[in-house]
């Protein structure tokens, strides 16, 4: 099954995990974007790990990961809500060639910014910033989770034009009491997974990876792409500028063009927008 997060438990080892394989959702994230393959694949890996971590959201809200750097790739953004509705984008520096390489080669020195905004405290989002430590995206997120959750974690990620996939494994507190060598054994098995195997259905992948373990696979949770047009939000932003400033922009450019980069959509307005935004409100007589 594509476009779903599968959580599982290695019952005899007290090790939990998450598997994701994005197909059509990943295609929608790529749509109308002409990204170089290294950038596309890095964005796909970010989509996979965001879905896996986002599947643990307990309250309504939004989880966002932003990778910022000074290299050819300026920024990668991916976020999801508690319903695992994804959206994201990549931005590169104009005129710089993009070649396959490590995260430091693509992003340069930079940082990972996590923002968690819940519906209960929308004005007080939680934010965490960590350096881009490591050569791959897996290194960065393993480092982040080790700091934030203090739980030993191993992450595998892979992406191409067809799929964006991931496997996340975490050692629970009682794991050593259950099997002193269990975590090391699981890490050894995980190291054998190829990119092709990572793109297999969850049941097939876990069956091949842990043939001698008792795997409890929970019901899949669907992942969706969700980036609708929000005309009212754009109009509210223009309204906040005031009639005079909007009129000045129209006089200079003949139109107003607003680009929504994360959803890859544009909003274009002509002089008629003045009437839409600033027409006198009709008074109702009682």
Foldseek 3Di string as FASTA:
>chain_A
DAQWKKKKALVLQQKIKIKHKHFVQLLLQCPPPDDDFQQSWQLLQVLAVQLRVLCPDDAWWKKKKKKAADAQWGIWIWMATNLQAIFIFTHGDPPDDDDDFFPCNHGNKTKMKMWIAGPVCNPDIDIDIDTQPDRHPQVRVQVVCCVPVVWRKGKDWTDGSGITIIMIMTRDPCSCVSPVCVVVVLVVLVVPDDNVLRNDPPVVSCCVSCVPTDMGIDDIRGHHHDDDDDVVVVLVVVLVVPLVVVVVVCVVPQWDWDADRRSRDIDIGGPCSSCVRPPDDDDDDD
